[in-house]
Each structure stands twice: as structure tokens, then as C-alpha cells.
C-alpha atoms as a PDB file:
ATOM      1  CA  MET A   1     152.526 104.662 102.154  1.00  0.00           C
ATOM      2  CA  SER A   2     155.159 104.161  99.508  1.00  0.00           C
ATOM      3  CA  ARG A   3     153.275 100.800  98.413  1.00  0.00           C
ATOM      4  CA  MET A   4     149.876 102.823  97.542  1.00  0.00           C
ATOM      5  CA  ARG A   5     152.024 105.243  95.440  1.00  0.00           C
ATOM      6  CA  SER A   6     153.417 102.693  93.615  1.00  0.00           C
ATOM      7  CA  ILE A   7     150.080 100.866  93.284  1.00  0.00           C
ATOM      8  CA  ARG A   8     148.539 104.176  91.982  1.00  0.00           C
ATOM      9  CA  ARG A   9     151.451 104.706  89.559  1.00  0.00           C
ATOM     10  CA  LYS A  10     151.323 101.255  88.127  1.00  0.00           C
ATOM     11  CA  SER A  11     147.503 101.507  87.691  1.00  0.00           C
ATOM     12  CA  ARG A  12     147.880 104.626  85.842  1.00  0.00           C
ATOM     13  CA  ARG A  13     150.439 103.040  83.402  1.00  0.00           C
ATOM     14  CA  GLN A  14     147.862 100.248  82.873  1.00  0.00           C
ATOM     15  CA  GLY A  15     145.149 102.642  81.905  1.00  0.00           C
ATOM     16  CA  GLY A  16     143.289 102.446  85.252  1.00  0.00           C
ATOM     17  CA  ILE A  17     140.787 105.036  86.155  1.00  0.00           C
ATOM     18  CA  ARG A  18     142.632 107.827  88.390  1.00  0.00           C
ATOM     19  CA  PRO A  19     140.728 108.112  91.773  1.00  0.00           C
ATOM     20  CA  ASP A  20     140.705 111.976  91.343  1.00  0.00           C
ATOM     21  CA  LEU A  21     138.908 111.637  88.045  1.00  0.00           C
ATOM     22  CA  VAL A  22     136.302 109.440  89.601  1.00  0.00           C
ATOM     23  CA  LYS A  23     135.901 112.024  92.535  1.00  0.00           C
ATOM     24  CA  ARG A  24     135.559 114.960  89.785  1.00  0.00           C
ATOM     25  CA  ILE A  25     132.895 113.139  88.073  1.00  0.00           C
ATOM     26  CA  VAL A  26     130.930 112.378  91.040  1.00  0.00           C
ATOM     27  CA  ILE A  27     131.124 115.937  92.932  1.00  0.00           C
ATOM     28  CA  PHE A  28     130.779 117.928  89.645  1.00  0.00           C
ATOM     29  CA  GLY A  29     127.745 115.466  88.538  1.00  0.00           C
ATOM     30  CA  LEU A  30     125.960 115.861  91.837  1.00  0.00           C
ATOM     31  CA  LEU A  31     126.702 119.798  91.561  1.00  0.00           C
ATOM     32  CA  THR A  32     125.387 119.919  88.232  1.00  0.00           C
ATOM     33  CA  LEU A  33     122.230 118.003  89.115  1.00  0.00           C
ATOM     34  CA  ILE A  34     121.610 120.150  92.377  1.00  0.00           C
ATOM     35  CA  LEU A  35     121.887 123.597  90.520  1.00  0.00           C
ATOM     36  CA  SER A  36     120.007 122.677  87.765  1.00  0.00           C
ATOM     37  CA  ALA A  37     117.228 121.197  89.873  1.00  0.00           C
ATOM     38  CA  ALA A  38     117.329 124.364  91.992  1.00  0.00           C
ATOM     39  CA  MET A  39     117.171 126.673  88.838  1.00  0.00           C
ATOM     40  CA  SER A  40     114.279 124.898  87.228  1.00  0.00           C
ATOM     41  CA  SER A  41     112.205 124.140  90.304  1.00  0.00           C
ATOM     42  CA  PHE A  42     112.857 126.177  93.484  1.00  0.00           C
ATOM     43  CA  PHE A  43     114.144 129.526  91.681  1.00  0.00           C
ATOM     44  CA  ALA A  44     111.557 129.390  89.149  1.00  0.00           C
ATOM     45  CA  GLN A  45     108.800 129.437  91.605  1.00  0.00           C
ATOM     46  CA  LEU A  46     109.993 131.969  93.709  1.00  0.00           C
ATOM     47  CA  THR A  47     107.451 134.910  92.934  1.00  0.00           C
ATOM     48  CA  CYS A  48     109.626 137.579  94.822  1.00  0.00           C
ATOM     49  CA  LEU A  49     112.235 137.377  92.131  1.00  0.00           C
ATOM     50  CA  PRO A  50     111.711 139.093  88.820  1.00  0.00           C
ATOM     51  CA  ALA A  51     113.859 136.380  86.859  1.00  0.00           C
ATOM     52  CA  THR A  52     115.260 133.137  87.263  1.00  0.00           C
ATOM     53  CA  PRO A  53     119.060 133.168  88.149  1.00  0.00           C
ATOM     54  CA  ASP A  54     121.492 131.173  86.019  1.00  0.00           C
ATOM     55  CA  LEU A  55     123.275 129.249  88.652  1.00  0.00           C
ATOM     56  CA  MET A  56     125.020 127.034  86.132  1.00  0.00           C
ATOM     57  CA  LEU A  57     126.858 130.275  84.777  1.00  0.00           C
ATOM     58  CA  GLY A  58     128.300 130.743  88.006  1.00  0.00           C
ATOM     59  CA  ALA A  59     129.495 127.170  88.416  1.00  0.00           C
ATOM     60  CA  VAL A  60     131.113 126.863  85.044  1.00  0.00           C
ATOM     61  CA  ILE A  61     133.099 130.040  85.638  1.00  0.00           C
ATOM     62  CA  ALA A  62     134.036 128.790  89.193  1.00  0.00           C
ATOM     63  CA  ILE A  63     135.147 125.560  87.817  1.00  0.00           C
ATOM     64  CA  ALA A  64     137.075 127.100  85.061  1.00  0.00           C
ATOM     65  CA  LEU A  65     139.053 129.447  87.441  1.00  0.00           C
ATOM     66  CA  LEU A  66     139.659 126.788  90.117  1.00  0.00           C
ATOM     67  CA  ASP A  67     140.003 123.435  88.344  1.00  0.00           C
ATOM     68  CA  GLY A  68     140.550 124.202  84.691  1.00  0.00           C
ATOM     69  CA  ARG A  69     138.997 124.496  81.328  1.00  0.00           C
ATOM     70  CA  GLY A  70     138.753 120.942  80.689  1.00  0.00           C
ATOM     71  CA  SER A  71     136.581 120.239  83.578  1.00  0.00           C
ATOM     72  CA  ALA A  72     134.405 123.517  83.039  1.00  0.00           C
ATOM     73  CA  ALA A  73     133.836 122.228  79.340  1.00  0.00           C
ATOM     74  CA  ILE A  74     132.635 119.086  80.506  1.00  0.00           C
ATOM     75  CA  VAL A  75     130.397 120.637  83.179  1.00  0.00           C
ATOM     76  CA  ALA A  76     129.222 123.181  80.639  1.00  0.00           C
ATOM     77  CA  VAL A  77     127.902 120.391  78.359  1.00  0.00           C
ATOM     78  CA  ALA A  78     126.538 118.165  81.045  1.00  0.00           C
ATOM     79  CA  GLY A  79     125.072 121.294  82.784  1.00  0.00           C
ATOM     80  CA  GLY A  80     123.409 122.650  79.829  1.00  0.00           C
ATOM     81  CA  ILE A  81     121.673 119.556  78.616  1.00  0.00           C
ATOM     82  CA  THR A  82     120.601 118.916  82.441  1.00  0.00           C
ATOM     83  CA  VAL A  83     119.100 122.627  82.483  1.00  0.00           C
ATOM     84  CA  ASP A  84     117.226 122.024  79.346  1.00  0.00           C
ATOM     85  CA  ALA A  85     116.199 118.815  80.112  1.00  0.00           C
ATOM     86  CA  LEU A  86     114.668 119.941  83.499  1.00  0.00           C
ATOM     87  CA  GLY A  87     113.246 123.371  82.741  1.00  0.00           C
ATOM     88  CA  GLY A  88     114.110 124.391  79.188  1.00  0.00           C
ATOM     89  CA  VAL A  89     111.526 125.567  76.639  1.00  0.00           C
ATOM     90  CA  GLY A  90     112.305 125.008  72.949  1.00  0.00           C
ATOM     91  CA  ALA A  91     115.556 124.071  71.323  1.00  0.00           C
ATOM     92  CA  SER A  92     118.347 122.936  73.874  1.00  0.00           C
ATOM     93  CA  LEU A  93     120.900 125.550  73.219  1.00  0.00           C
ATOM     94  CA  SER A  94     122.258 125.862  76.886  1.00  0.00           C
ATOM     95  CA  PRO A  95     125.453 123.644  76.131  1.00  0.00           C
ATOM     96  CA  LEU A  96     126.368 126.213  73.640  1.00  0.00           C
ATOM     97  CA  LEU A  97     126.037 129.133  75.864  1.00  0.00           C
ATOM     98  CA  TYR A  98     128.087 127.407  78.509  1.00  0.00           C
ATOM     99  CA  LEU A  99     130.734 126.338  76.250  1.00  0.00           C
ATOM    100  CA  GLY A 100     130.867 129.899  74.897  1.00  0.00           C
ATOM    101  CA  VAL A 101     131.429 131.054  78.583  1.00  0.00           C
ATOM    102  CA  VAL A 102     134.171 128.590  79.162  1.00  0.00           C
ATOM    103  CA  LEU A 103     135.970 129.978  75.943  1.00  0.00           C
ATOM    104  CA  THR A 104     135.481 133.491  77.050  1.00  0.00           C
ATOM    105  CA  VAL A 105     136.595 132.838  80.695  1.00  0.00           C
ATOM    106  CA  GLY A 106     139.397 130.755  79.172  1.00  0.00           C
ATOM    107  CA  LEU A 107     140.618 133.494  76.865  1.00  0.00           C
ATOM    108  CA  LEU A 108     140.204 136.273  79.546  1.00  0.00           C
ATOM    109  CA  GLY A 109     141.100 134.683  82.629  1.00  0.00           C
ATOM    110  CA  GLU A 110     144.300 132.975  81.478  1.00  0.00           C
ATOM    111  CA  LYS A 111     146.572 135.437  83.325  1.00  0.00           C
ATOM    112  CA  MET A 112     144.147 135.870  86.372  1.00  0.00           C
ATOM    113  CA  LEU A 113     144.434 134.471  89.705  1.00  0.00           C
ATOM    114  CA  SER A 114     142.026 132.019  91.074  1.00  0.00           C
ATOM    115  CA  SER A 115     140.247 134.250  93.317  1.00  0.00           C
ATOM    116  CA  PHE A 116     136.873 135.721  94.161  1.00  0.00           C
ATOM    117  CA  LEU A 117     137.543 138.992  92.584  1.00  0.00           C
ATOM    118  CA  SER A 118     138.603 137.292  89.258  1.00  0.00           C
ATOM    119  CA  PHE A 119     135.239 135.413  89.563  1.00  0.00           C
ATOM    120  CA  LEU A 120     133.284 138.607  89.840  1.00  0.00           C
ATOM    121  CA  LEU A 121     135.213 140.249  86.847  1.00  0.00           C
ATOM    122  CA  LEU A 122     134.773 137.451  84.592  1.00  0.00           C
ATOM    123  CA  LEU A 123     130.908 136.886  85.581  1.00  0.00           C
ATOM    124  CA  LEU A 124     130.327 140.255  83.791  1.00  0.00           C
ATOM    125  CA  PRO A 125     131.375 139.512  80.142  1.00  0.00           C
ATOM    126  CA  SER A 126     129.421 136.135  80.663  1.00  0.00           C
ATOM    127  CA  LEU A 127     126.313 137.870  81.925  1.00  0.00           C
ATOM    128  CA  PHE A 128     126.494 139.812  78.586  1.00  0.00           C
ATOM    129  CA  LEU A 129     126.731 136.518  76.901  1.00  0.00           C
ATOM    130  CA  ARG A 130     123.637 135.122  78.721  1.00  0.00           C
ATOM    131  CA  ALA A 131     121.902 138.450  77.903  1.00  0.00           C
ATOM    132  CA  LEU A 132     122.578 137.665  74.225  1.00  0.00           C
ATOM    133  CA  PHE A 133     121.414 134.331  74.369  1.00  0.00           C
ATOM    134  CA  SER A 134     118.130 135.231  76.236  1.00  0.00           C
ATOM    135  CA  LEU A 135     117.415 137.856  73.760  1.00  0.00           C
ATOM    136  CA  VAL A 136     118.120 135.519  70.733  1.00  0.00           C
ATOM    137  CA  GLY A 137     115.677 132.876  72.654  1.00  0.00           C
ATOM    138  CA  ILE A 138     112.867 135.420  73.048  1.00  0.00           C
ATOM    139  CA  TRP A 139     113.203 136.775  69.516  1.00  0.00           C
ATOM    140  CA  LEU A 140     113.112 133.273  68.076  1.00  0.00           C
ATOM    141  CA  PHE A 141     110.411 132.068  70.256  1.00  0.00           C
ATOM    142  CA  VAL A 142     108.077 135.124  71.083  1.00  0.00           C
ATOM    143  CA  GLY A 143     108.607 136.924  67.692  1.00  0.00           C
ATOM    144  CA  GLU A 144     107.902 140.636  67.818  1.00  0.00           C
ATOM    145  CA  ILE A 145     109.679 142.241  70.786  1.00  0.00           C
ATOM    146  CA  THR A 146     110.411 145.732  72.069  1.00  0.00           C
ATOM    147  CA  PHE A 147     114.089 145.913  73.078  1.00  0.00           C
ATOM    148  CA  ALA A 148     113.120 148.239  75.871  1.00  0.00           C
ATOM    149  CA  GLY A 149     110.625 146.080  77.081  1.00  0.00           C
ATOM    150  CA  VAL A 150     112.933 143.260  77.104  1.00  0.00           C
ATOM    151  CA  LEU A 151     115.775 145.103  78.510  1.00  0.00           C
ATOM    152  CA  THR A 152     113.808 146.149  81.439  1.00  0.00           C
ATOM    153  CA  GLY A 153     111.495 143.236  81.839  1.00  0.00           C
ATOM    154  CA  VAL A 154     113.766 140.256  81.287  1.00  0.00           C
ATOM    155  CA  LEU A 155     117.569 141.139  80.604  1.00  0.00           C
ATOM    156  CA  LEU A 156     118.176 143.351  83.444  1.00  0.00           C
ATOM    157  CA  PRO A 157     116.296 141.298  86.200  1.00  0.00           C
ATOM    158  CA  GLU A 158     117.726 138.096  84.985  1.00  0.00           C
ATOM    159  CA  ALA A 159     121.299 139.659  85.071  1.00  0.00           C
ATOM    160  CA  ILE A 160     120.965 141.104  88.508  1.00  0.00           C
ATOM    161  CA  SER A 161     119.440 137.867  89.990  1.00  0.00           C
ATOM    162  CA  THR A 162     122.146 135.849  88.498  1.00  0.00           C
ATOM    163  CA  PHE A 163     124.887 138.123  89.468  1.00  0.00           C
ATOM    164  CA  VAL A 164     123.547 137.900  93.046  1.00  0.00           C
ATOM    165  CA  PHE A 165     122.958 134.258  93.561  1.00  0.00           C
ATOM    166  CA  CYS A 166     126.049 133.115  91.665  1.00  0.00           C
ATOM    167  CA  CYS A 167     128.272 134.794  94.278  1.00  0.00           C
ATOM    168  CA  PRO A 168     128.028 132.017  96.665  1.00  0.00           C
ATOM    169  CA  ILE A 169     128.554 129.574  94.049  1.00  0.00           C
ATOM    170  CA  TYR A 170     132.159 130.182  93.812  1.00  0.00           C
ATOM    171  CA  PHE A 171     132.375 129.245  97.607  1.00  0.00           C
ATOM    172  CA  LEU A 172     130.558 126.166  96.895  1.00  0.00           C
ATOM    173  CA  VAL A 173     132.894 124.866  94.222  1.00  0.00           C
ATOM    174  CA  MET A 174     135.894 125.723  96.359  1.00  0.00           C
ATOM    175  CA  LEU A 175     134.260 123.328  98.970  1.00  0.00           C
ATOM    176  CA  CYS A 176     133.525 120.721  96.315  1.00  0.00           C
ATOM    177  CA  LEU A 177     137.182 120.691  95.246  1.00  0.00           C
ATOM    178  CA  LEU A 178     138.684 119.999  98.864  1.00  0.00           C
ATOM    179  CA  PRO A 179     138.219 116.314  98.571  1.00  0.00           C
ATOM    180  CA  ILE A 180     139.506 116.402  94.863  1.00  0.00           C
ATOM    181  CA  LYS A 181     142.665 118.596  95.163  1.00  0.00           C
ATOM    182  CA  ASP A 182     145.742 117.102  96.586  1.00  0.00           C
ATOM    183  CA  ARG A 183     147.042 118.638  99.977  1.00  0.00           C
ATOM    184  CA  ARG A 184     150.245 119.606  98.159  1.00  0.00           C
ATOM    185  CA  GLU A 185     148.271 121.564  95.452  1.00  0.00           C
ATOM    186  CA  ARG A 186     146.237 123.481  98.101  1.00  0.00           C
ATOM    187  CA  ALA A 187     149.382 124.437  99.903  1.00  0.00           C
ATOM    188  CA  ALA A 188     150.954 125.457  96.743  1.00  0.00           C
ATOM    189  CA  ARG A 189     147.995 127.664  96.063  1.00  0.00           C
ATOM    190  CA  LEU A 190     148.409 129.479  99.534  1.00  0.00           C
END
């Protein structure tokens, strides 16, 4: 056991790749790909939903709360590019939205505990940023719009469906972090 620790310390000093970093890349990469594909294929095709939920928004907030802003920023850029590549229309601006969410969550959530209630509280200003992003996108690509029509036809349904479908994302990210976090870190959180 102590031999393994000395090997890990030696590899860190020599500039080797940390195993937890590789785990983060693989797990968060798979999560990003699955959520992006679900957003652009499965949820976009459901006719019972008034709008497609933004699952990546919930993932970025949960990762920022549970793992840190650095990981969340990387997932924000990768997730934004993936979302736009799989189902975006027009200019690829989703990475900017998700980075703005990471910045907002970082500023507002600095003193918050990593809990589901904190996640829900941070989801509200993020939904406002998402609504502004959608409003600008509609204005740029559609042209003349009525605010009341966009509010009731796009923004509110999008916010409600995003809020509902992002709630389980918090717990999904918690499960994704189980193989990454050290047992001591998990015990310290309890």
C-alpha cells in the first residue's frame, strides 16, 4: 500500500498524468456526450414537451458545486461545443452561455454548501441567463418578434422543462463523482 503511494507521488513529481484527472476526463466526457445527445435527439423529438430542456445547464451547475469551477469550466466549453455540433442552429455560442453560468455559479455559490437546495437556488439565475441567451438568439435569427409571444411560447416552457429535467442531473453528477473522489474526501463531506 505504501509502495503505491510512493509511486503515485513520484509520478506526480515527474509530471505524469494523475489517475483522478484521467477519470474526470473520461467520466465527464461521457456525461457531456450523453446529455448533449439526449438534448438534441431524444428531447427535441418529444412532441409532449413544449420546449427542449437544457440538460447541460444542470450538469455545469452540479459539477461546479460538487467538483469545482475548473472542472465546470472545461465541461462548459466541451458541452457547449458538443451541444452546438449535435443540434445547434446558427452561430456556436453555447460555450459562452455555459461559461457565463460557471461564472455566475462561482460568484453566487462560493459560500454555499454542496447540496441539492443550493443547486436549485443556483439554477434560478442560470435559467434567467438561459432565457436571455434564447431571446438574443431568437432576435438575431428570426428578426421581428413580440416579447409576449416569445415569453409564453418559448422562454417560459424552456425554463420550466429545464428546471424539471435538470433536477435529476444533480444526482447523476453525484454518481459520476463516486469513482473520482477519494474515500477520505467523501467522508469529510458527510
